[in-house]
């Protein structure tokens, strides 16, 4: 599977993408969080 996420869908893709069937990930203007990150933490300090 190619798993594709837009916006918050990128968070879903980042978590669900560990499924063995998923081979590749695509982010479309999406959040791509690291471990322990969420949309809430990623938008907490927007650029000036």
ModelCIF file with pLDDT and N, C-alpha, C, O atoms, coordinates in Angstrom:
data_MODEL
#
_entry.id   MODEL 
#
_entity.id                         1 
_entity.type                       polymer 
_entity.pdbx_number_of_molecules   1 
#
_entity_poly.entity_id                      1 
_entity_poly.type                           'polypeptide(L)' 
_entity_poly.nstd_linkage                   no 
_entity_poly.nstd_monomer                   no 
_entity_poly.pdbx_seq_one_letter_code       
;(UNK)(UNK)(UNK)(UNK)(UNK)(UNK)(UNK)(UNK)(UNK)(UNK)(UNK)(UNK)(UNK)(UNK)(UNK)(UNK)
(UNK)(UNK)(UNK)(UNK)(UNK)(UNK)(UNK)(UNK)(UNK)(UNK)(UNK)(UNK)(UNK)(UNK)(UNK)(UNK)
(UNK)(UNK)(UNK)(UNK)(UNK)(UNK)(UNK)(UNK)(UNK)(UNK)(UNK)(UNK)(UNK)(UNK)(UNK)(UNK)
;
_entity_poly.pdbx_seq_one_letter_code_can   XXXXXXXXXXXXXXXXXXXXXXXXXXXXXXXXXXXXXXXXXXXXXXXX 
_entity_poly.pdbx_strand_id                 A 
#
loop_
_entity_poly_seq.entity_id 
_entity_poly_seq.num 
_entity_poly_seq.mon_id 
_entity_poly_seq.hetero 
1 1  UNK n 
1 2  UNK n 
1 3  UNK n 
1 4  UNK n 
1 5  UNK n 
1 6  UNK n 
1 7  UNK n 
1 8  UNK n 
1 9  UNK n 
1 10 UNK n 
1 11 UNK n 
1 12 UNK n 
1 13 UNK n 
1 14 UNK n 
1 15 UNK n 
1 16 UNK n 
1 17 UNK n 
1 18 UNK n 
1 19 UNK n 
1 20 UNK n 
1 21 UNK n 
1 22 UNK n 
1 23 UNK n 
1 24 UNK n 
1 25 UNK n 
1 26 UNK n 
1 27 UNK n 
1 28 UNK n 
1 29 UNK n 
1 30 UNK n 
1 31 UNK n 
1 32 UNK n 
1 33 UNK n 
1 34 UNK n 
1 35 UNK n 
1 36 UNK n 
1 37 UNK n 
1 38 UNK n 
1 39 UNK n 
1 40 UNK n 
1 41 UNK n 
1 42 UNK n 
1 43 UNK n 
1 44 UNK n 
1 45 UNK n 
1 46 UNK n 
1 47 UNK n 
1 48 UNK n 
#
_struct_asym.id          A 
_struct_asym.entity_id   1 
#
loop_
_ma_qa_metric.id 
_ma_qa_metric.mode 
_ma_qa_metric.name 
_ma_qa_metric.software_group_id 
_ma_qa_metric.type 
1 global pLDDT . pLDDT 
2 local  pLDDT . pLDDT 
#
_ma_qa_metric_global.metric_id      1 
_ma_qa_metric_global.metric_value   96.10 
_ma_qa_metric_global.model_id       1 
_ma_qa_metric_global.ordinal_id     1 
#
loop_
_ma_qa_metric_local.label_asym_id 
_ma_qa_metric_local.label_comp_id 
_ma_qa_metric_local.label_seq_id 
_ma_qa_metric_local.metric_id 
_ma_qa_metric_local.metric_value 
_ma_qa_metric_local.model_id 
_ma_qa_metric_local.ordinal_id 
A UNK 1  2 98.00 1 1  
A UNK 2  2 98.00 1 2  
A UNK 3  2 98.00 1 3  
A UNK 4  2 99.00 1 4  
A UNK 5  2 98.00 1 5  
A UNK 6  2 98.00 1 6  
A UNK 7  2 98.00 1 7  
A UNK 8  2 98.00 1 8  
A UNK 9  2 98.00 1 9  
A UNK 10 2 98.00 1 10 
A UNK 11 2 98.00 1 11 
A UNK 12 2 98.00 1 12 
A UNK 13 2 98.00 1 13 
A UNK 14 2 98.00 1 14 
A UNK 15 2 98.00 1 15 
A UNK 16 2 98.00 1 16 
A UNK 17 2 98.00 1 17 
A UNK 18 2 98.00 1 18 
A UNK 19 2 98.00 1 19 
A UNK 20 2 98.00 1 20 
A UNK 21 2 98.00 1 21 
A UNK 22 2 98.00 1 22 
A UNK 23 2 98.00 1 23 
A UNK 24 2 98.00 1 24 
A UNK 25 2 98.00 1 25 
A UNK 26 2 99.00 1 26 
A UNK 27 2 99.00 1 27 
A UNK 28 2 98.00 1 28 
A UNK 29 2 98.00 1 29 
A UNK 30 2 98.00 1 30 
A UNK 31 2 98.00 1 31 
A UNK 32 2 98.00 1 32 
A UNK 33 2 98.00 1 33 
A UNK 34 2 98.00 1 34 
A UNK 35 2 98.00 1 35 
A UNK 36 2 98.00 1 36 
A UNK 37 2 98.00 1 37 
A UNK 38 2 97.00 1 38 
A UNK 39 2 97.00 1 39 
A UNK 40 2 96.00 1 40 
A UNK 41 2 96.00 1 41 
A UNK 42 2 94.00 1 42 
A UNK 43 2 93.00 1 43 
A UNK 44 2 90.00 1 44 
A UNK 45 2 84.00 1 45 
A UNK 46 2 82.00 1 46 
A UNK 47 2 75.00 1 47 
A UNK 48 2 80.00 1 48 
#
loop_
_atom_site.group_PDB 
_atom_site.id 
_atom_site.type_symbol 
_atom_site.label_atom_id 
_atom_site.label_alt_id 
_atom_site.label_comp_id 
_atom_site.label_asym_id 
_atom_site.label_entity_id 
_atom_site.label_seq_id 
_atom_site.pdbx_PDB_ins_code 
_atom_site.Cartn_x 
_atom_site.Cartn_y 
_atom_site.Cartn_z 
_atom_site.occupancy 
_atom_site.B_iso_or_equiv 
_atom_site.pdbx_formal_charge 
_atom_site.auth_seq_id 
_atom_site.auth_comp_id 
_atom_site.auth_asym_id 
_atom_site.auth_atom_id 
_atom_site.pdbx_PDB_model_num 
ATOM 1   N N  . UNK A 1 1  ? 0.824  -1.205 0.000  1.00 98.00 ? 1  UNK A N  1 
ATOM 2   C CA . UNK A 1 1  ? 0.000  0.000  0.000  1.00 98.00 ? 1  UNK A CA 1 
ATOM 3   C C  . UNK A 1 1  ? 0.861  1.260  0.000  1.00 98.00 ? 1  UNK A C  1 
ATOM 4   O O  . UNK A 1 1  ? 1.893  1.326  0.669  1.00 98.00 ? 1  UNK A O  1 
ATOM 5   N N  . UNK A 1 2  ? 0.413  2.262  -0.768 1.00 98.00 ? 2  UNK A N  1 
ATOM 6   C CA . UNK A 1 2  ? 0.895  3.636  -0.631 1.00 98.00 ? 2  UNK A CA 1 
ATOM 7   C C  . UNK A 1 2  ? -0.149 4.354  0.210  1.00 98.00 ? 2  UNK A C  1 
ATOM 8   O O  . UNK A 1 2  ? -1.312 4.445  -0.182 1.00 98.00 ? 2  UNK A O  1 
ATOM 9   N N  . UNK A 1 3  ? 0.265  4.864  1.360  1.00 98.00 ? 3  UNK A N  1 
ATOM 10  C CA . UNK A 1 3  ? -0.658 5.512  2.286  1.00 98.00 ? 3  UNK A CA 1 
ATOM 11  C C  . UNK A 1 3  ? -0.465 7.020  2.211  1.00 98.00 ? 3  UNK A C  1 
ATOM 12  O O  . UNK A 1 3  ? 0.640  7.525  2.410  1.00 98.00 ? 3  UNK A O  1 
ATOM 13  N N  . UNK A 1 4  ? -1.555 7.737  1.922  1.00 99.00 ? 4  UNK A N  1 
ATOM 14  C CA . UNK A 1 4  ? -1.494 9.175  1.636  1.00 99.00 ? 4  UNK A CA 1 
ATOM 15  C C  . UNK A 1 4  ? -2.330 9.948  2.642  1.00 99.00 ? 4  UNK A C  1 
ATOM 16  O O  . UNK A 1 4  ? -3.477 9.588  2.907  1.00 99.00 ? 4  UNK A O  1 
ATOM 17  N N  . UNK A 1 5  ? -1.759 11.018 3.209  1.00 98.00 ? 5  UNK A N  1 
ATOM 18  C CA . UNK A 1 5  ? -2.513 11.839 4.146  1.00 98.00 ? 5  UNK A CA 1 
ATOM 19  C C  . UNK A 1 5  ? -2.439 13.312 3.810  1.00 98.00 ? 5  UNK A C  1 
ATOM 20  O O  . UNK A 1 5  ? -1.388 13.821 3.423  1.00 98.00 ? 5  UNK A O  1 
ATOM 21  N N  . UNK A 1 6  ? -3.573 13.997 3.962  1.00 98.00 ? 6  UNK A N  1 
ATOM 22  C CA . UNK A 1 6  ? -3.612 15.453 3.811  1.00 98.00 ? 6  UNK A CA 1 
ATOM 23  C C  . UNK A 1 6  ? -3.842 16.082 5.163  1.00 98.00 ? 6  UNK A C  1 
ATOM 24  O O  . UNK A 1 6  ? -4.684 15.610 5.926  1.00 98.00 ? 6  UNK A O  1 
ATOM 25  N N  . UNK A 1 7  ? -3.106 17.147 5.483  1.00 98.00 ? 7  UNK A N  1 
ATOM 26  C CA . UNK A 1 7  ? -3.297 17.927 6.695  1.00 98.00 ? 7  UNK A CA 1 
ATOM 27  C C  . UNK A 1 7  ? -3.221 17.045 7.938  1.00 98.00 ? 7  UNK A C  1 
ATOM 28  O O  . UNK A 1 7  ? -2.218 16.358 8.135  1.00 98.00 ? 7  UNK A O  1 
ATOM 29  N N  . UNK A 1 8  ? -4.251 17.046 8.778  1.00 98.00 ? 8  UNK A N  1 
ATOM 30  C CA . UNK A 1 8  ? -4.278 16.164 9.960  1.00 98.00 ? 8  UNK A CA 1 
ATOM 31  C C  . UNK A 1 8  ? -4.158 14.697 9.555  1.00 98.00 ? 8  UNK A C  1 
ATOM 32  O O  . UNK A 1 8  ? -3.701 13.869 10.343 1.00 98.00 ? 8  UNK A O  1 
ATOM 33  N N  . UNK A 1 9  ? -4.569 14.376 8.325  1.00 98.00 ? 9  UNK A N  1 
ATOM 34  C CA . UNK A 1 9  ? -4.412 13.007 7.833  1.00 98.00 ? 9  UNK A CA 1 
ATOM 35  C C  . UNK A 1 9  ? -2.971 12.541 7.871  1.00 98.00 ? 9  UNK A C  1 
ATOM 36  O O  . UNK A 1 9  ? -2.708 11.340 7.925  1.00 98.00 ? 9  UNK A O  1 
ATOM 37  N N  . UNK A 1 10 ? -2.033 13.478 7.843  1.00 98.00 ? 10 UNK A N  1 
ATOM 38  C CA . UNK A 1 10 ? -0.629 13.110 7.955  1.00 98.00 ? 10 UNK A CA 1 
ATOM 39  C C  . UNK A 1 10 ? -0.292 12.524 9.314  1.00 98.00 ? 10 UNK A C  1 
ATOM 40  O O  . UNK A 1 10 ? 0.585  11.667 9.423  1.00 98.00 ? 10 UNK A O  1 
ATOM 41  N N  . UNK A 1 11 ? -0.984 12.981 10.352 1.00 98.00 ? 11 UNK A N  1 
ATOM 42  C CA . UNK A 1 11 ? -0.799 12.412 11.682 1.00 98.00 ? 11 UNK A CA 1 
ATOM 43  C C  . UNK A 1 11 ? -1.301 10.970 11.690 1.00 98.00 ? 11 UNK A C  1 
ATOM 44  O O  . UNK A 1 11 ? -0.642 10.073 12.215 1.00 98.00 ? 11 UNK A O  1 
ATOM 45  N N  . UNK A 1 12 ? -2.467 10.767 11.103 1.00 98.00 ? 12 UNK A N  1 
ATOM 46  C CA . UNK A 1 12 ? -3.049 9.425  11.012 1.00 98.00 ? 12 UNK A CA 1 
ATOM 47  C C  . UNK A 1 12 ? -2.119 8.492  10.233 1.00 98.00 ? 12 UNK A C  1 
ATOM 48  O O  . UNK A 1 12 ? -1.877 7.356  10.642 1.00 98.00 ? 12 UNK A O  1 
ATOM 49  N N  . UNK A 1 13 ? -1.608 8.983  9.116  1.00 98.00 ? 13 UNK A N  1 
ATOM 50  C CA . UNK A 1 13 ? -0.700 8.209  8.273  1.00 98.00 ? 13 UNK A CA 1 
ATOM 51  C C  . UNK A 1 13 ? 0.586  7.862  9.028  1.00 98.00 ? 13 UNK A C  1 
ATOM 52  O O  . UNK A 1 13 ? 1.100  6.749  8.914  1.00 98.00 ? 13 UNK A O  1 
ATOM 53  N N  . UNK A 1 14 ? 1.092  8.810  9.788  1.00 98.00 ? 14 UNK A N  1 
ATOM 54  C CA . UNK A 1 14 ? 2.333  8.575  10.533 1.00 98.00 ? 14 UNK A CA 1 
ATOM 55  C C  . UNK A 1 14 ? 2.162  7.464  11.563 1.00 98.00 ? 14 UNK A C  1 
ATOM 56  O O  . UNK A 1 14 ? 3.093  6.701  11.817 1.00 98.00 ? 14 UNK A O  1 
ATOM 57  N N  . UNK A 1 15 ? 0.965  7.372  12.159 1.00 98.00 ? 15 UNK A N  1 
ATOM 58  C CA . UNK A 1 15 ? 0.698  6.356  13.172 1.00 98.00 ? 15 UNK A CA 1 
ATOM 59  C C  . UNK A 1 15 ? 0.274  5.030  12.544 1.00 98.00 ? 15 UNK A C  1 
ATOM 60  O O  . UNK A 1 15 ? 0.767  3.973  12.939 1.00 98.00 ? 15 UNK A O  1 
ATOM 61  N N  . UNK A 1 16 ? -0.636 5.078  11.570 1.00 98.00 ? 16 UNK A N  1 
ATOM 62  C CA . UNK A 1 16 ? -1.144 3.848  10.954 1.00 98.00 ? 16 UNK A CA 1 
ATOM 63  C C  . UNK A 1 16 ? -0.164 3.250  9.953  1.00 98.00 ? 16 UNK A C  1 
ATOM 64  O O  . UNK A 1 16 ? -0.270 2.075  9.600  1.00 98.00 ? 16 UNK A O  1 
ATOM 65  N N  . UNK A 1 17 ? 0.788  4.055  9.497  1.00 98.00 ? 17 UNK A N  1 
ATOM 66  C CA . UNK A 1 17 ? 1.713  3.615  8.458  1.00 98.00 ? 17 UNK A CA 1 
ATOM 67  C C  . UNK A 1 17 ? 2.710  2.562  8.881  1.00 98.00 ? 17 UNK A C  1 
ATOM 68  O O  . UNK A 1 17 ? 3.446  2.040  8.044  1.00 98.00 ? 17 UNK A O  1 
ATOM 69  N N  . UNK A 1 18 ? 2.751  2.237  10.162 1.00 98.00 ? 18 UNK A N  1 
ATOM 70  C CA . UNK A 1 18 ? 3.633  1.148  10.608 1.00 98.00 ? 18 UNK A CA 1 
ATOM 71  C C  . UNK A 1 18 ? 3.060  -0.216 10.235 1.00 98.00 ? 18 UNK A C  1 
ATOM 72  O O  . UNK A 1 18 ? 3.743  -1.230 10.382 1.00 98.00 ? 18 UNK A O  1 
ATOM 73  N N  . UNK A 1 19 ? 1.836  -0.255 9.762  1.00 98.00 ? 19 UNK A N  1 
ATOM 74  C CA . UNK A 1 19 ? 1.234  -1.517 9.313  1.00 98.00 ? 19 UNK A CA 1 
ATOM 75  C C  . UNK A 1 19 ? 2.145  -2.176 8.274  1.00 98.00 ? 19 UNK A C  1 
ATOM 76  O O  . UNK A 1 19 ? 2.644  -1.495 7.379  1.00 98.00 ? 19 UNK A O  1 
ATOM 77  N N  . UNK A 1 20 ? 2.369  -3.491 8.379  1.00 98.00 ? 20 UNK A N  1 
ATOM 78  C CA . UNK A 1 20 ? 3.296  -4.173 7.457  1.00 98.00 ? 20 UNK A CA 1 
ATOM 79  C C  . UNK A 1 20 ? 2.936  -4.028 5.984  1.00 98.00 ? 20 UNK A C  1 
ATOM 80  O O  . UNK A 1 20 ? 3.822  -4.098 5.132  1.00 98.00 ? 20 UNK A O  1 
ATOM 81  N N  . UNK A 1 21 ? 1.653  -3.828 5.659  1.00 98.00 ? 21 UNK A N  1 
ATOM 82  C CA . UNK A 1 21 ? 1.278  -3.700 4.254  1.00 98.00 ? 21 UNK A CA 1 
ATOM 83  C C  . UNK A 1 21 ? 1.685  -2.355 3.660  1.00 98.00 ? 21 UNK A C  1 
ATOM 84  O O  . UNK A 1 21 ? 1.787  -2.223 2.440  1.00 98.00 ? 21 UNK A O  1 
ATOM 85  N N  . UNK A 1 22 ? 1.914  -1.367 4.504  1.00 98.00 ? 22 UNK A N  1 
ATOM 86  C CA . UNK A 1 22 ? 2.260  -0.030 4.007  1.00 98.00 ? 22 UNK A CA 1 
ATOM 87  C C  . UNK A 1 22 ? 3.737  0.011  3.641  1.00 98.00 ? 22 UNK A C  1 
ATOM 88  O O  . UNK A 1 22 ? 4.604  -0.226 4.483  1.00 98.00 ? 22 UNK A O  1 
ATOM 89  N N  . UNK A 1 23 ? 4.014  0.315  2.373  1.00 98.00 ? 23 UNK A N  1 
ATOM 90  C CA . UNK A 1 23 ? 5.405  0.369  1.911  1.00 98.00 ? 23 UNK A CA 1 
ATOM 91  C C  . UNK A 1 23 ? 5.905  1.791  1.753  1.00 98.00 ? 23 UNK A C  1 
ATOM 92  O O  . UNK A 1 23 ? 7.094  2.057  1.928  1.00 98.00 ? 23 UNK A O  1 
ATOM 93  N N  . UNK A 1 24 ? 4.997  2.714  1.419  1.00 98.00 ? 24 UNK A N  1 
ATOM 94  C CA . UNK A 1 24 ? 5.406  4.092  1.147  1.00 98.00 ? 24 UNK A CA 1 
ATOM 95  C C  . UNK A 1 24 ? 4.368  5.060  1.692  1.00 98.00 ? 24 UNK A C  1 
ATOM 96  O O  . UNK A 1 24 ? 3.181  4.746  1.783  1.00 98.00 ? 24 UNK A O  1 
ATOM 97  N N  . UNK A 1 25 ? 4.845  6.242  2.051  1.00 98.00 ? 25 UNK A N  1 
ATOM 98  C CA . UNK A 1 25 ? 3.986  7.272  2.631  1.00 98.00 ? 25 UNK A CA 1 
ATOM 99  C C  . UNK A 1 25 ? 4.028  8.524  1.771  1.00 98.00 ? 25 UNK A C  1 
ATOM 100 O O  . UNK A 1 25 ? 5.069  8.879  1.218  1.00 98.00 ? 25 UNK A O  1 
ATOM 101 N N  . UNK A 1 26 ? 2.885  9.188  1.665  1.00 99.00 ? 26 UNK A N  1 
ATOM 102 C CA . UNK A 1 26 ? 2.829  10.460 0.945  1.00 99.00 ? 26 UNK A CA 1 
ATOM 103 C C  . UNK A 1 26 ? 2.098  11.477 1.816  1.00 99.00 ? 26 UNK A C  1 
ATOM 104 O O  . UNK A 1 26 ? 1.004  11.213 2.316  1.00 99.00 ? 26 UNK A O  1 
ATOM 105 N N  . UNK A 1 27 ? 2.719  12.641 1.988  1.00 99.00 ? 27 UNK A N  1 
ATOM 106 C CA . UNK A 1 27 ? 2.136  13.728 2.772  1.00 99.00 ? 27 UNK A CA 1 
ATOM 107 C C  . UNK A 1 27 ? 1.780  14.867 1.829  1.00 99.00 ? 27 UNK A C  1 
ATOM 108 O O  . UNK A 1 27 ? 2.631  15.359 1.087  1.00 99.00 ? 27 UNK A O  1 
ATOM 109 N N  . UNK A 1 28 ? 0.515  15.285 1.861  1.00 98.00 ? 28 UNK A N  1 
ATOM 110 C CA . UNK A 1 28 ? 0.048  16.380 1.017  1.00 98.00 ? 28 UNK A CA 1 
ATOM 111 C C  . UNK A 1 28 ? -0.288 17.558 1.927  1.00 98.00 ? 28 UNK A C  1 
ATOM 112 O O  . UNK A 1 28 ? -1.324 17.559 2.591  1.00 98.00 ? 28 UNK A O  1 
ATOM 113 N N  . UNK A 1 29 ? 0.605  18.578 1.955  1.00 98.00 ? 29 UNK A N  1 
ATOM 114 C CA . UNK A 1 29 ? 0.420  19.737 2.848  1.00 98.00 ? 29 UNK A CA 1 
ATOM 115 C C  . UNK A 1 29 ? -0.031 19.250 4.222  1.00 98.00 ? 29 UNK A C  1 
ATOM 116 O O  . UNK A 1 29 ? -1.032 19.713 4.770  1.00 98.00 ? 29 UNK A O  1 
ATOM 117 N N  . UNK A 1 30 ? 0.734  18.303 4.762  1.00 98.00 ? 30 UNK A N  1 
ATOM 118 C CA . UNK A 1 30 ? 0.288  17.559 5.940  1.00 98.00 ? 30 UNK A CA 1 
ATOM 119 C C  . UNK A 1 30 ? 1.241  17.690 7.124  1.00 98.00 ? 30 UNK A C  1 
ATOM 120 O O  . UNK A 1 30 ? 2.415  18.029 6.977  1.00 98.00 ? 30 UNK A O  1 
ATOM 121 N N  . UNK A 1 31 ? 0.692  17.412 8.291  1.00 98.00 ? 31 UNK A N  1 
ATOM 122 C CA . UNK A 1 31 ? 1.516  17.279 9.484  1.00 98.00 ? 31 UNK A CA 1 
ATOM 123 C C  . UNK A 1 31 ? 2.239  15.929 9.432  1.00 98.00 ? 31 UNK A C  1 
ATOM 124 O O  . UNK A 1 31 ? 1.645  14.907 9.089  1.00 98.00 ? 31 UNK A O  1 
ATOM 125 N N  . UNK A 1 32 ? 3.520  15.944 9.775  1.00 98.00 ? 32 UNK A N  1 
ATOM 126 C CA . UNK A 1 32 ? 4.309  14.714 9.845  1.00 98.00 ? 32 UNK A CA 1 
ATOM 127 C C  . UNK A 1 32 ? 4.994  14.692 11.213 1.00 98.00 ? 32 UNK A C  1 
ATOM 128 O O  . UNK A 1 32 ? 6.180  15.005 11.317 1.00 98.00 ? 32 UNK A O  1 
ATOM 129 N N  . UNK A 1 33 ? 4.256  14.326 12.257 1.00 98.00 ? 33 UNK A N  1 
ATOM 130 C CA . UNK A 1 33 ? 4.777  14.442 13.617 1.00 98.00 ? 33 UNK A CA 1 
ATOM 131 C C  . UNK A 1 33 ? 5.871  13.425 13.934 1.00 98.00 ? 33 UNK A C  1 
ATOM 132 O O  . UNK A 1 33 ? 5.918  12.334 13.367 1.00 98.00 ? 33 UNK A O  1 
ATOM 133 N N  . UNK A 1 34 ? 6.732  13.812 14.844 1.00 98.00 ? 34 UNK A N  1 
ATOM 134 C CA . UNK A 1 34 ? 7.707  12.889 15.411 1.00 98.00 ? 34 UNK A CA 1 
ATOM 135 C C  . UNK A 1 34 ? 7.057  12.227 16.621 1.00 98.00 ? 34 UNK A C  1 
ATOM 136 O O  . UNK A 1 34 ? 5.923  12.542 16.980 1.00 98.00 ? 34 UNK A O  1 
ATOM 137 N N  . UNK A 1 35 ? 7.779  11.319 17.235 1.00 98.00 ? 35 UNK A N  1 
ATOM 138 C CA . UNK A 1 35 ? 7.254  10.621 18.404 1.00 98.00 ? 35 UNK A CA 1 
ATOM 139 C C  . UNK A 1 35 ? 6.842  11.611 19.505 1.00 98.00 ? 35 UNK A C  1 
ATOM 140 O O  . UNK A 1 35 ? 7.612  12.495 19.880 1.00 98.00 ? 35 UNK A O  1 
ATOM 141 N N  . UNK A 1 36 ? 5.626  11.444 20.009 1.00 98.00 ? 36 UNK A N  1 
ATOM 142 C CA . UNK A 1 36 ? 5.133  12.302 21.078 1.00 98.00 ? 36 UNK A CA 1 
ATOM 143 C C  . UNK A 1 36 ? 4.537  13.610 20.617 1.00 98.00 ? 36 UNK A C  1 
ATOM 144 O O  . UNK A 1 36 ? 4.014  14.363 21.438 1.00 98.00 ? 36 UNK A O  1 
ATOM 145 N N  . UNK A 1 37 ? 4.598  13.911 19.314 1.00 98.00 ? 37 UNK A N  1 
ATOM 146 C CA . UNK A 1 37 ? 4.036  15.157 18.789 1.00 98.00 ? 37 UNK A CA 1 
ATOM 147 C C  . UNK A 1 37 ? 2.606  14.952 18.311 1.00 98.00 ? 37 UNK A C  1 
ATOM 148 O O  . UNK A 1 37 ? 2.203  13.847 17.947 1.00 98.00 ? 37 UNK A O  1 
ATOM 149 N N  . UNK A 1 38 ? 1.857  16.035 18.322 1.00 97.00 ? 38 UNK A N  1 
ATOM 150 C CA . UNK A 1 38 ? 0.482  16.055 17.838 1.00 97.00 ? 38 UNK A CA 1 
ATOM 151 C C  . UNK A 1 38 ? 0.277  17.336 17.045 1.00 97.00 ? 38 UNK A C  1 
ATOM 152 O O  . UNK A 1 38 ? 1.173  18.177 16.981 1.00 97.00 ? 38 UNK A O  1 
ATOM 153 N N  . UNK A 1 39 ? -0.893 17.491 16.444 1.00 97.00 ? 39 UNK A N  1 
ATOM 154 C CA . UNK A 1 39 ? -1.199 18.764 15.797 1.00 97.00 ? 39 UNK A CA 1 
ATOM 155 C C  . UNK A 1 39 ? -1.112 19.890 16.822 1.00 97.00 ? 39 UNK A C  1 
ATOM 156 O O  . UNK A 1 39 ? -0.593 20.968 16.533 1.00 97.00 ? 39 UNK A O  1 
ATOM 157 N N  . UNK A 1 40 ? -1.616 19.630 17.999 1.00 96.00 ? 40 UNK A N  1 
ATOM 158 C CA . UNK A 1 40 ? -1.633 20.649 19.049 1.00 96.00 ? 40 UNK A CA 1 
ATOM 159 C C  . UNK A 1 40 ? -0.225 21.139 19.385 1.00 96.00 ? 40 UNK A C  1 
ATOM 160 O O  . UNK A 1 40 ? -0.008 22.342 19.529 1.00 96.00 ? 40 UNK A O  1 
ATOM 161 N N  . UNK A 1 41 ? 0.721  20.230 19.509 1.00 96.00 ? 41 UNK A N  1 
ATOM 162 C CA . UNK A 1 41 ? 2.081  20.654 19.836 1.00 96.00 ? 41 UNK A CA 1 
ATOM 163 C C  . UNK A 1 41 ? 2.759  21.313 18.638 1.00 96.00 ? 41 UNK A C  1 
ATOM 164 O O  . UNK A 1 41 ? 3.562  22.231 18.806 1.00 96.00 ? 41 UNK A O  1 
ATOM 165 N N  . UNK A 1 42 ? 2.439  20.848 17.431 1.00 94.00 ? 42 UNK A N  1 
ATOM 166 C CA . UNK A 1 42 ? 3.097  21.391 16.242 1.00 94.00 ? 42 UNK A CA 1 
ATOM 167 C C  . UNK A 1 42 ? 2.633  22.799 15.900 1.00 94.00 ? 42 UNK A C  1 
ATOM 168 O O  . UNK A 1 42 ? 3.373  23.556 15.271 1.00 94.00 ? 42 UNK A O  1 
ATOM 169 N N  . UNK A 1 43 ? 1.410  23.163 16.309 1.00 93.00 ? 43 UNK A N  1 
ATOM 170 C CA . UNK A 1 43 ? 0.914  24.509 16.002 1.00 93.00 ? 43 UNK A CA 1 
ATOM 171 C C  . UNK A 1 43 ? 1.044  25.457 17.189 1.00 93.00 ? 43 UNK A C  1 
ATOM 172 O O  . UNK A 1 43 ? 0.616  26.609 17.117 1.00 93.00 ? 43 UNK A O  1 
ATOM 173 N N  . UNK A 1 44 ? 1.631  24.978 18.272 1.00 90.00 ? 44 UNK A N  1 
ATOM 174 C CA . UNK A 1 44 ? 1.687  25.779 19.506 1.00 90.00 ? 44 UNK A CA 1 
ATOM 175 C C  . UNK A 1 44 ? 2.520  27.051 19.350 1.00 90.00 ? 44 UNK A C  1 
ATOM 176 O O  . UNK A 1 44 ? 2.209  28.077 19.955 1.00 90.00 ? 44 UNK A O  1 
ATOM 177 N N  . UNK A 1 45 ? 3.572  26.984 18.543 1.00 84.00 ? 45 UNK A N  1 
ATOM 178 C CA . UNK A 1 45 ? 4.465  28.141 18.374 1.00 84.00 ? 45 UNK A CA 1 
ATOM 179 C C  . UNK A 1 45 ? 4.636  28.467 16.895 1.00 84.00 ? 45 UNK A C  1 
ATOM 180 O O  . UNK A 1 45 ? 5.665  28.131 16.307 1.00 84.00 ? 45 UNK A O  1 
ATOM 181 N N  . UNK A 1 46 ? 3.651  29.112 16.287 1.00 82.00 ? 46 UNK A N  1 
ATOM 182 C CA . UNK A 1 46 ? 3.742  29.420 14.856 1.00 82.00 ? 46 UNK A CA 1 
ATOM 183 C C  . UNK A 1 46 ? 4.862  30.416 14.562 1.00 82.00 ? 46 UNK A C  1 
ATOM 184 O O  . UNK A 1 46 ? 5.207  31.228 15.420 1.00 82.00 ? 46 UNK A O  1 
ATOM 185 N N  . UNK A 1 47 ? 5.434  30.361 13.353 1.00 75.00 ? 47 UNK A N  1 
ATOM 186 C CA . UNK A 1 47 ? 6.468  31.321 12.975 1.00 75.00 ? 47 UNK A CA 1 
ATOM 187 C C  . UNK A 1 47 ? 5.918  32.747 13.031 1.00 75.00 ? 47 UNK A C  1 
ATOM 188 O O  . UNK A 1 47 ? 4.724  32.949 12.808 1.00 75.00 ? 47 UNK A O  1 
ATOM 189 N N  . UNK A 1 48 ? 6.756  33.729 13.321 1.00 80.00 ? 48 UNK A N  1 
ATOM 190 C CA . UNK A 1 48 ? 6.302  35.122 13.364 1.00 80.00 ? 48 UNK A CA 1 
ATOM 191 C C  . UNK A 1 48 ? 5.666  35.526 12.028 1.00 80.00 ? 48 UNK A C  1 
ATOM 192 O O  . UNK A 1 48 ? 5.225  36.665 11.873 1.00 80.00 ? 48 UNK A O  1 
#
